[in-house]
């Protein structure tokens, strides 16, 4: 569903801590996305990031945009990297937020044979290519949408996939993991099997709140909390704090007459964020907008106000990690 600007504009808030430098650790660009029904390009990102918070850099994360239409199947995702590198070059010449890193896609299940694809991404990235995201988001329920790339179950624990993740580490690249919360133990297994590769868990591990998971919020939180705690054993894991306003999370904000306020978001999500920070530490956690996906439920300035309310009791140094430093380290900005 395309974002509804008039609907979002019903909630406006004063910006909290407006001078704090922020690296938005996760956003997308796309042309006329057929699944979403709209485009989101540099001018759209700038319109959001200029809404009051001090967004200084951003990280682009793959979304299937501008793939090559010919050539081998494994090389087609490389088309996304020059598309984003061109936008990043434009952003670097402007006073707005600059796109400082690119995370692309490759079929990591190729194992060591993925190396030529990674080299092609690096060549196309104008010095900004940092790693790969490969979805594993799968659930047995037909009421839970699987990833657009239709991953098989248990992808992250297959030997071939783990070989590919180790190849990333050997090349100084990182791996972004996108899964659903029942699969977090497989992320733990992947991290332990590939200790030399930095692994960045997206969206707190994809907490499902629809289908057979609907109406079980407290039970699911305890399940998520237990499996997420095991990530603390993995020193190579970072966590992204965000991505909980998607349809799959089941909050239903997009169906309301009014969008949520920052207080509502903070109250609804705080327990997840504080647990993740307790497990990994502020120096391995980073806030993310996941825009424009989250924009279907909440505006940019309200979302970051919610993050700042959740982080209110941390020290200034810890806040710097959460809003900037951890992303700088994880993505080598």
Protein backbone atom coordinates (compact mmCIF):
# COMPACT_ATOMS: atom_id res chain seq x y z
CA UNK A 1 0.00 0.00 0.00
CA UNK A 2 1.53 3.38 -0.97
CA UNK A 3 2.17 5.79 1.92
CA UNK A 4 -0.68 8.26 2.45
CA UNK A 5 0.89 11.65 3.04
CA UNK A 6 -2.37 13.32 4.07
CA UNK A 7 -3.05 10.56 6.60
CA UNK A 8 0.45 10.77 8.07
CA UNK A 9 0.27 14.58 8.26
CA UNK A 10 -2.50 14.35 10.87
CA UNK A 11 0.19 13.70 13.51
CA UNK A 12 2.90 16.31 13.92
CA UNK A 13 5.36 16.52 16.80
CA UNK A 14 8.21 18.74 17.96
CA UNK A 15 11.54 17.10 17.22
CA UNK A 16 13.31 15.62 20.25
CA UNK A 17 17.08 16.26 20.51
CA UNK A 18 17.19 17.73 16.98
CA UNK A 19 20.98 18.21 16.82
CA UNK A 20 21.93 14.58 17.54
CA UNK A 21 23.79 13.13 14.51
CA UNK A 22 22.02 10.06 13.13
CA UNK A 23 23.02 7.35 10.68
CA UNK A 24 19.83 5.77 9.35
CA UNK A 25 21.03 2.18 9.15
CA UNK A 26 18.37 0.80 6.81
CA UNK A 27 16.35 2.21 3.91
CA UNK A 28 15.48 1.33 0.32
CA UNK A 29 15.21 2.88 -3.14
CA UNK A 30 13.04 1.56 -5.95
CA UNK A 31 11.35 2.47 -9.23
CA UNK A 32 7.62 1.71 -9.44
CA UNK A 33 7.85 -1.30 -7.15
CA UNK A 34 5.10 -3.67 -8.36
CA UNK A 35 4.64 -5.17 -4.89
CA UNK A 36 4.33 -1.75 -3.25
CA UNK A 37 2.73 0.30 -6.01
CA UNK A 38 4.99 3.38 -5.82
CA UNK A 39 8.53 4.70 -6.29
CA UNK A 40 10.95 5.83 -3.61
CA UNK A 41 14.03 7.65 -4.84
CA UNK A 42 16.59 10.15 -3.57
CA UNK A 43 14.25 13.12 -3.49
CA UNK A 44 11.75 11.06 -1.47
CA UNK A 45 14.44 10.07 1.02
CA UNK A 46 15.55 13.68 1.35
CA UNK A 47 11.97 14.82 1.94
CA UNK A 48 11.76 12.39 4.85
CA UNK A 49 15.24 12.86 6.31
CA UNK A 50 14.88 16.67 6.24
CA UNK A 51 11.79 16.55 8.45
CA UNK A 52 13.68 17.75 11.54
CA UNK A 53 16.05 15.04 12.75
CA UNK A 54 19.77 15.41 12.01
CA UNK A 55 20.24 12.54 9.54
CA UNK A 56 23.83 12.79 8.32
CA UNK A 57 24.31 9.43 6.57
CA UNK A 58 22.20 6.48 5.48
CA UNK A 59 22.68 2.84 4.52
CA UNK A 60 20.86 1.45 1.49
CA UNK A 61 19.73 -2.16 1.82
CA UNK A 62 18.76 -4.32 -1.14
CA UNK A 63 15.15 -4.54 -2.27
CA UNK A 64 15.29 -6.13 -5.73
CA UNK A 65 15.57 -2.81 -7.60
CA UNK A 66 16.99 -2.43 -11.12
CA UNK A 67 18.27 -5.96 -11.54
CA UNK A 68 19.92 -6.73 -14.86
CA UNK A 69 17.48 -8.06 -17.43
CA UNK A 70 19.99 -10.28 -19.19
CA UNK A 71 23.09 -12.30 -18.45
CA UNK A 72 23.41 -15.12 -15.95
CA UNK A 73 20.85 -15.44 -13.18
CA UNK A 74 23.45 -15.10 -10.42
CA UNK A 75 24.75 -11.80 -11.85
CA UNK A 76 21.39 -10.08 -12.29
CA UNK A 77 21.24 -8.61 -8.74
CA UNK A 78 24.46 -6.71 -9.49
CA UNK A 79 22.33 -4.22 -11.47
CA UNK A 80 21.01 -2.77 -8.22
CA UNK A 81 24.44 -1.58 -7.07
CA UNK A 82 25.25 0.94 -9.85
CA UNK A 83 21.65 2.21 -9.65
CA UNK A 84 22.20 3.07 -5.98
CA UNK A 85 25.81 4.20 -6.46
CA UNK A 86 24.56 6.87 -8.89
CA UNK A 87 22.03 8.11 -6.33
CA UNK A 88 24.73 8.05 -3.65
CA UNK A 89 27.03 10.19 -5.79
CA UNK A 90 24.25 12.75 -6.13
CA UNK A 91 23.63 12.68 -2.40
CA UNK A 92 27.31 13.27 -1.62
CA UNK A 93 27.20 16.51 -3.60
CA UNK A 94 24.26 17.89 -1.62
CA UNK A 95 23.87 19.21 1.91
CA UNK A 96 21.23 16.58 2.74
CA UNK A 97 21.76 13.09 4.12
CA UNK A 98 24.34 11.17 2.11
CA UNK A 99 23.98 7.52 1.14
CA UNK A 100 27.19 6.20 2.67
CA UNK A 101 26.92 2.43 2.16
CA UNK A 102 25.29 -0.12 -0.13
CA UNK A 103 24.12 -3.59 0.89
CA UNK A 104 23.19 -5.66 -2.14
CA UNK A 105 21.95 -9.15 -2.87
CA UNK A 106 23.63 -12.29 -4.14
CA UNK A 107 22.71 -15.93 -3.93
CA UNK A 108 24.87 -16.81 -0.95
CA UNK A 109 23.80 -20.44 -1.29
CA UNK A 110 26.31 -20.61 -4.15
CA UNK A 111 28.92 -21.01 -1.43
CA UNK A 112 32.47 -20.12 -2.45
CA UNK A 113 31.23 -19.78 -6.05
CA UNK A 114 29.52 -16.51 -5.09
CA UNK A 115 32.90 -14.73 -5.13
CA UNK A 116 32.66 -13.43 -8.77
CA UNK A 117 29.25 -11.92 -7.99
CA UNK A 118 30.65 -10.17 -4.93
CA UNK A 119 33.59 -8.86 -6.95
CA UNK A 120 31.15 -7.47 -9.54
CA UNK A 121 29.19 -5.69 -6.79
CA UNK A 122 32.42 -4.19 -5.43
CA UNK A 123 33.45 -3.00 -8.90
CA UNK A 124 30.02 -1.39 -9.43
CA UNK A 125 29.75 0.19 -5.99
CA UNK A 126 32.01 3.24 -6.35
CA UNK A 127 33.68 2.37 -3.05
CA UNK A 128 30.37 2.09 -1.15
CA UNK A 129 29.58 -1.62 -1.38
CA UNK A 130 29.66 -3.18 2.08
CA UNK A 131 27.90 -6.52 2.00
CA UNK A 132 24.97 -8.76 1.13
CA UNK A 133 21.49 -9.34 2.46
CA UNK A 134 19.91 -12.70 1.70
CA UNK A 135 16.42 -13.32 3.06
CA UNK A 136 15.51 -16.47 4.94
CA UNK A 137 12.07 -15.19 6.01
CA UNK A 138 9.88 -18.27 5.68
CA UNK A 139 6.99 -19.63 7.71
CA UNK A 140 4.93 -22.78 7.34
CA UNK A 141 1.63 -20.90 7.66
CA UNK A 142 -0.02 -19.82 4.38
CA UNK A 143 -1.23 -16.74 6.26
CA UNK A 144 2.31 -15.43 6.73
CA UNK A 145 3.88 -14.02 3.53
CA UNK A 146 7.28 -15.48 2.79
CA UNK A 147 10.07 -13.36 1.34
CA UNK A 148 9.78 -12.20 -2.25
CA UNK A 149 12.73 -14.46 -3.11
CA UNK A 150 10.88 -17.53 -1.74
CA UNK A 151 13.69 -18.96 0.40
CA UNK A 152 13.56 -22.59 1.45
CA UNK A 153 13.19 -23.42 5.14
CA UNK A 154 16.37 -23.73 7.22
CA UNK A 155 18.45 -21.84 4.66
CA UNK A 156 20.88 -20.32 7.16
CA UNK A 157 21.96 -23.67 8.58
CA UNK A 158 22.79 -25.30 5.23
CA UNK A 159 26.49 -25.94 4.66
CA UNK A 160 26.55 -24.31 1.22
CA UNK A 161 25.00 -21.12 2.56
CA UNK A 162 27.43 -20.97 5.44
CA UNK A 163 30.31 -21.35 2.99
CA UNK A 164 28.97 -18.29 1.18
CA UNK A 165 28.77 -16.29 4.39
CA UNK A 166 32.35 -17.25 5.21
CA UNK A 167 33.32 -16.03 1.74
CA UNK A 168 31.87 -12.64 2.65
CA UNK A 169 34.07 -12.49 5.72
CA UNK A 170 37.16 -13.43 3.75
CA UNK A 171 36.50 -10.48 1.45
CA UNK A 172 35.89 -8.01 4.28
CA UNK A 173 32.14 -7.86 3.63
CA UNK A 174 29.25 -8.20 6.06
CA UNK A 175 26.03 -10.18 5.98
CA UNK A 176 22.56 -8.76 6.70
CA UNK A 177 20.15 -11.42 7.96
CA UNK A 178 16.40 -11.04 7.43
CA UNK A 179 14.28 -13.77 8.95
CA UNK A 180 11.19 -14.30 11.08
CA UNK A 181 11.42 -14.66 14.85
CA UNK A 182 11.06 -18.49 14.92
CA UNK A 183 14.23 -18.59 12.78
CA UNK A 184 16.45 -16.59 15.16
CA UNK A 185 18.10 -19.79 16.47
CA UNK A 186 19.27 -20.40 12.90
CA UNK A 187 20.89 -16.94 12.86
CA UNK A 188 22.69 -17.92 16.07
CA UNK A 189 23.90 -21.13 14.42
CA UNK A 190 25.03 -19.18 11.35
CA UNK A 191 26.93 -16.65 13.46
CA UNK A 192 28.72 -19.41 15.36
CA UNK A 193 29.60 -21.25 12.13
CA UNK A 194 30.96 -18.05 10.53
CA UNK A 195 32.66 -16.19 13.40
CA UNK A 196 34.89 -14.10 11.13
CA UNK A 197 31.93 -12.56 9.29
CA UNK A 198 30.02 -9.59 10.72
CA UNK A 199 26.32 -10.48 10.77
CA UNK A 200 23.68 -7.77 11.15
CA UNK A 201 20.24 -8.97 12.20
CA UNK A 202 17.52 -6.89 10.52
CA UNK A 203 14.30 -5.75 12.16
CA UNK A 204 14.89 -7.44 15.54
CA UNK A 205 14.45 -10.81 13.89
CA UNK A 206 11.06 -10.24 12.23
CA UNK A 207 8.45 -10.57 14.98
CA UNK A 208 5.32 -12.06 13.41
CA UNK A 209 1.93 -10.90 14.67
CA UNK A 210 -0.47 -12.16 11.99
CA UNK A 211 -1.97 -15.49 10.99
CA UNK A 212 -1.46 -18.14 13.69
CA UNK A 213 0.64 -15.62 15.68
CA UNK A 214 -2.15 -13.03 16.02
CA UNK A 215 -3.48 -12.36 19.52
CA UNK A 216 -0.49 -14.01 21.21
CA UNK A 217 1.64 -10.93 21.81
CA UNK A 218 2.90 -11.72 25.33
CA UNK A 219 3.62 -15.37 24.51
CA UNK A 220 5.48 -14.44 21.33
CA UNK A 221 7.51 -11.80 23.15
CA UNK A 222 8.75 -14.42 25.61
CA UNK A 223 9.63 -16.81 22.77
CA UNK A 224 11.42 -14.05 20.89
CA UNK A 225 13.20 -12.89 24.06
CA UNK A 226 14.58 -16.35 24.80
CA UNK A 227 15.89 -16.98 21.29
CA UNK A 228 17.22 -13.43 20.90
CA UNK A 229 19.16 -13.73 24.15
CA UNK A 230 21.35 -16.41 22.57
CA UNK A 231 22.71 -13.80 20.16
CA UNK A 232 24.66 -12.38 23.08
CA UNK A 233 27.01 -15.36 22.76
CA UNK A 234 27.98 -14.21 19.24
CA UNK A 235 30.45 -11.33 19.27
CA UNK A 236 30.18 -10.97 15.47
CA UNK A 237 26.47 -10.04 15.58
CA UNK A 238 24.99 -6.53 15.43
CA UNK A 239 21.29 -5.80 15.75
CA UNK A 240 19.09 -3.33 13.92
CA UNK A 241 16.42 -1.72 16.08
CA UNK A 242 13.38 -1.05 13.93
CA UNK A 243 11.19 -2.71 11.37
CA UNK A 244 8.34 -3.41 13.80
CA UNK A 245 5.73 -1.26 12.03
CA UNK A 246 5.30 -3.57 9.05
CA UNK A 247 2.07 -5.37 8.27
CA UNK A 248 3.57 -8.73 9.25
CA UNK A 249 4.10 -7.44 12.80
CA UNK A 250 0.34 -7.19 13.23
CA UNK A 251 0.04 -3.79 14.95
CA UNK A 252 -2.55 -2.69 12.40
CA UNK A 253 -1.66 1.00 12.57
CA UNK A 254 -2.07 1.38 8.82
CA UNK A 255 -5.79 0.59 9.17
CA UNK A 256 -6.57 3.28 11.75
CA UNK A 257 -8.20 6.66 11.23
CA UNK A 258 -5.12 8.30 12.77
CA UNK A 259 -1.48 7.15 12.48
CA UNK A 260 0.37 6.36 15.71
CA UNK A 261 2.12 8.94 17.85
CA UNK A 262 5.70 8.47 19.03
CA UNK A 263 4.36 7.64 22.52
CA UNK A 264 2.25 4.82 21.09
CA UNK A 265 5.15 3.41 19.11
CA UNK A 266 7.53 3.66 22.05
CA UNK A 267 5.08 2.02 24.43
CA UNK A 268 4.34 -0.78 21.94
CA UNK A 269 7.95 -1.55 21.01
CA UNK A 270 10.09 -0.49 23.98
CA UNK A 271 10.40 -3.94 25.57
CA UNK A 272 11.84 -5.41 22.37
CA UNK A 273 14.39 -2.66 21.91
CA UNK A 274 15.54 -2.56 25.53
CA UNK A 275 16.01 -6.33 25.59
CA UNK A 276 18.02 -6.26 22.35
CA UNK A 277 20.25 -3.51 23.75
CA UNK A 278 20.70 -5.44 27.00
CA UNK A 279 21.76 -8.56 25.08
CA UNK A 280 24.09 -7.00 22.50
CA UNK A 281 25.05 -3.73 24.17
CA UNK A 282 24.56 -0.23 22.74
CA UNK A 283 27.84 -0.62 20.83
CA UNK A 284 26.31 -3.41 18.72
CA UNK A 285 22.79 -1.99 18.21
CA UNK A 286 21.63 0.63 15.71
CA UNK A 287 18.30 2.29 15.05
CA UNK A 288 16.87 1.97 11.54
CA UNK A 289 13.93 3.56 9.74
CA UNK A 290 13.21 0.76 7.25
CA UNK A 291 11.75 3.47 5.04
CA UNK A 292 9.66 3.61 2.98
CA UNK A 293 8.18 0.31 4.23
CA UNK A 294 7.47 1.76 7.69
CA UNK A 295 6.10 4.91 6.05
CA UNK A 296 2.98 2.94 5.25
CA UNK A 297 2.27 3.09 9.02
CA UNK A 298 4.21 6.02 10.52
CA UNK A 299 5.94 9.24 9.46
CA UNK A 300 9.70 9.66 9.62
CA UNK A 301 9.83 12.38 12.27
CA UNK A 302 7.40 10.52 14.55
CA UNK A 303 9.34 7.25 14.21
CA UNK A 304 12.67 8.80 15.22
CA UNK A 305 10.99 10.64 18.10
CA UNK A 306 9.84 7.23 19.32
CA UNK A 307 13.39 5.89 19.10
CA UNK A 308 14.67 8.86 21.10
CA UNK A 309 12.04 8.31 23.78
CA UNK A 310 13.03 4.64 24.04
CA UNK A 311 16.70 5.64 24.39
CA UNK A 312 16.04 8.48 26.82
CA UNK A 313 17.65 6.85 29.87
CA UNK A 314 20.91 5.88 28.19
CA UNK A 315 24.08 7.94 28.57
CA UNK A 316 25.11 10.37 25.86
CA UNK A 317 27.85 7.99 24.69
CA UNK A 318 25.42 5.08 24.53
CA UNK A 319 22.97 7.19 22.55
CA UNK A 320 25.76 8.05 20.13
CA UNK A 321 26.33 4.32 19.58
CA UNK A 322 22.64 3.61 19.08
CA UNK A 323 22.00 6.48 16.69
CA UNK A 324 25.34 6.63 14.86
CA UNK A 325 28.41 4.78 16.12
CA UNK A 326 27.29 1.18 15.82
CA UNK A 327 26.22 1.69 12.20
CA UNK A 328 29.56 3.38 11.45
CA UNK A 329 31.41 0.36 12.81
CA UNK A 330 29.20 -2.34 11.33
CA UNK A 331 29.24 -0.82 7.85
CA UNK A 332 32.74 0.66 7.97
CA UNK A 333 31.50 4.18 7.13
